[in-house]
C-alpha atoms as a PDB file:
ATOM      1  CA  MET A   1      -2.833   1.211 -13.866  1.00  0.00           C
ATOM      2  CA  LEU A   2      -0.101   3.789 -13.468  1.00  0.00           C
ATOM      3  CA  PHE A   3       3.501   3.685 -14.522  1.00  0.00           C
ATOM      4  CA  VAL A   4       5.714   4.956 -11.725  1.00  0.00           C
ATOM      5  CA  LEU A   5       9.401   5.746 -11.844  1.00  0.00           C
ATOM      6  CA  LYS A   6      11.260   4.490  -8.792  1.00  0.00           C
ATOM      7  CA  PHE A   7      14.838   5.282  -7.927  1.00  0.00           C
ATOM      8  CA  PHE A   8      17.712   3.147  -6.726  1.00  0.00           C
ATOM      9  CA  LEU A   9      19.549   5.245  -4.165  1.00  0.00           C
ATOM     10  CA  THR A  10      23.267   4.850  -3.783  1.00  0.00           C
ATOM     11  CA  PRO A  11      24.937   5.543  -0.419  1.00  0.00           C
ATOM     12  CA  GLU A  12      26.194   8.848  -1.837  1.00  0.00           C
ATOM     13  CA  VAL A  13      22.664  10.302  -1.592  1.00  0.00           C
ATOM     14  CA  PHE A  14      22.926  10.467   2.211  1.00  0.00           C
ATOM     15  CA  LYS A  15      25.665  13.096   1.985  1.00  0.00           C
ATOM     16  CA  TYR A  16      23.260  15.263  -0.016  1.00  0.00           C
ATOM     17  CA  LEU A  17      20.293  14.544   2.241  1.00  0.00           C
ATOM     18  CA  LYS A  18      22.273  15.782   5.269  1.00  0.00           C
ATOM     19  CA  LYS A  19      22.897  19.103   3.493  1.00  0.00           C
ATOM     20  CA  ALA A  20      19.330  19.510   2.170  1.00  0.00           C
ATOM     21  CA  THR A  21      17.173  22.358   3.423  1.00  0.00           C
ATOM     22  CA  PRO A  22      13.729  21.196   4.602  1.00  0.00           C
ATOM     23  CA  SER A  23      10.627  22.794   3.084  1.00  0.00           C
ATOM     24  CA  LYS A  24       8.280  25.002   5.127  1.00  0.00           C
ATOM     25  CA  LYS A  25       6.456  21.791   6.111  1.00  0.00           C
ATOM     26  CA  GLY A  26       9.736  20.324   7.372  1.00  0.00           C
ATOM     27  CA  GLU A  27      10.088  17.836   4.517  1.00  0.00           C
ATOM     28  CA  ILE A  28      13.192  17.179   2.477  1.00  0.00           C
ATOM     29  CA  ILE A  29      12.217  17.118  -1.186  1.00  0.00           C
ATOM     30  CA  LEU A  30      14.039  14.229  -2.826  1.00  0.00           C
ATOM     31  CA  ALA A  31      13.677  15.783  -6.297  1.00  0.00           C
ATOM     32  CA  GLU A  32      15.654  18.820  -5.112  1.00  0.00           C
ATOM     33  CA  VAL A  33      18.369  16.532  -3.757  1.00  0.00           C
ATOM     34  CA  PHE A  34      18.476  14.755  -7.133  1.00  0.00           C
ATOM     35  CA  ASP A  35      18.752  18.104  -8.940  1.00  0.00           C
ATOM     36  CA  LYS A  36      21.766  19.019  -6.807  1.00  0.00           C
ATOM     37  CA  MET A  37      23.374  15.638  -7.438  1.00  0.00           C
ATOM     38  CA  LEU A  38      22.825  15.905 -11.191  1.00  0.00           C
ATOM     39  CA  LEU A  39      24.253  19.436 -11.263  1.00  0.00           C
ATOM     40  CA  GLU A  40      27.390  18.010  -9.664  1.00  0.00           C
ATOM     41  CA  GLY A  41      27.631  15.262 -12.291  1.00  0.00           C
ATOM     42  CA  LYS A  42      26.338  12.393 -10.158  1.00  0.00           C
ATOM     43  CA  THR A  43      24.343   9.551 -11.715  1.00  0.00           C
ATOM     44  CA  ILE A  44      20.749   8.842 -10.661  1.00  0.00           C
ATOM     45  CA  TYR A  45      19.440   5.345 -11.374  1.00  0.00           C
ATOM     46  CA  GLY A  46      15.756   4.708 -11.957  1.00  0.00           C
ATOM     47  CA  CYS A  47      13.342   2.028 -13.031  1.00  0.00           C
ATOM     48  CA  GLU A  48       9.857   2.413 -14.490  1.00  0.00           C
ATOM     49  CA  LEU A  49       7.335   0.177 -12.732  1.00  0.00           C
ATOM     50  CA  LYS A  50       3.761  -0.755 -13.548  1.00  0.00           C
ATOM     51  CA  GLY A  51       1.469  -0.457 -10.543  1.00  0.00           C
ATOM     52  CA  GLU A  52      -0.505   1.810  -8.248  1.00  0.00           C
ATOM     53  CA  TRP A  53       0.909   4.886  -6.508  1.00  0.00           C
ATOM     54  CA  LEU A  54       0.024   4.879  -2.826  1.00  0.00           C
ATOM     55  CA  GLU A  55       0.639   7.896  -0.609  1.00  0.00           C
ATOM     56  CA  CYS A  56       1.540   7.631   3.061  1.00  0.00           C
ATOM     57  CA  GLY A  57       2.650  11.195   3.799  1.00  0.00           C
ATOM     58  CA  ASP A  58      -0.027  11.873   6.406  1.00  0.00           C
ATOM     59  CA  LYS A  59      -2.510   9.845   8.465  1.00  0.00           C
ATOM     60  CA  LEU A  60      -5.401  10.087   6.007  1.00  0.00           C
ATOM     61  CA  LYS A  61      -3.246   9.114   3.020  1.00  0.00           C
ATOM     62  CA  TRP A  62      -1.828   6.210   5.011  1.00  0.00           C
ATOM     63  CA  LEU A  63      -5.338   5.033   5.930  1.00  0.00           C
ATOM     64  CA  LYS A  64      -6.484   5.216   2.303  1.00  0.00           C
ATOM     65  CA  SER A  65      -3.440   3.207   1.204  1.00  0.00           C
ATOM     66  CA  PHE A  66      -3.991   0.703   4.007  1.00  0.00           C
ATOM     67  CA  PHE A  67      -7.628   0.124   3.026  1.00  0.00           C
ATOM     68  CA  PHE A  68      -6.745  -0.042  -0.672  1.00  0.00           C
ATOM     69  CA  LEU A  69      -4.301  -2.876   0.019  1.00  0.00           C
ATOM     70  CA  ALA A  70      -6.428  -4.599   2.667  1.00  0.00           C
ATOM     71  CA  LEU A  71      -9.443  -4.707   0.345  1.00  0.00           C
ATOM     72  CA  LYS A  72      -7.315  -6.326  -2.369  1.00  0.00           C
ATOM     73  CA  ASP A  73      -6.192  -9.086  -0.005  1.00  0.00           C
ATOM     74  CA  PRO A  74      -8.483 -12.140  -0.225  1.00  0.00           C
ATOM     75  CA  ARG A  75      -7.850 -12.880   3.479  1.00  0.00           C
ATOM     76  CA  PHE A  76      -9.493  -9.607   4.540  1.00  0.00           C
ATOM     77  CA  ASN A  77     -11.619  -8.364   1.626  1.00  0.00           C
ATOM     78  CA  LYS A  78     -15.018  -9.863   2.411  1.00  0.00           C
ATOM     79  CA  GLU A  79     -14.984  -9.348   6.185  1.00  0.00           C
ATOM     80  CA  LEU A  80     -13.559  -5.831   5.914  1.00  0.00           C
ATOM     81  CA  LYS A  81     -16.200  -4.784   3.358  1.00  0.00           C
ATOM     82  CA  GLU A  82     -18.930  -6.130   5.635  1.00  0.00           C
ATOM     83  CA  TYR A  83     -17.472  -4.289   8.621  1.00  0.00           C
ATOM     84  CA  LEU A  84     -17.158  -0.980   6.763  1.00  0.00           C
ATOM     85  CA  LYS A  85     -20.865  -1.153   5.852  1.00  0.00           C
ATOM     86  CA  THR A  86     -21.746  -1.249   9.563  1.00  0.00           C
ATOM     87  CA  ILE A  87     -19.921   1.988  10.402  1.00  0.00           C
ATOM     88  CA  LYS A  88     -22.141   5.075  10.548  1.00  0.00           C
END
């Protein structure tokens, strides 16, 4: 079990997101936006949560997260496990 810090974004963050420079991969790094906000004296709110961290940043990560959640769901677990065993 992981402990993950999640943030509560206020509408003010959108002003900073519009000005953010995307990375070489074309992504806006939220941590860099937060750094800029903090340097300008803005408050960042967060909450530590107990749970699993699931990535969805690309197709493979999304699929892994999807299967992780689907296999935990009692409606799908048994049938999905049986199906996955049939795939070669």
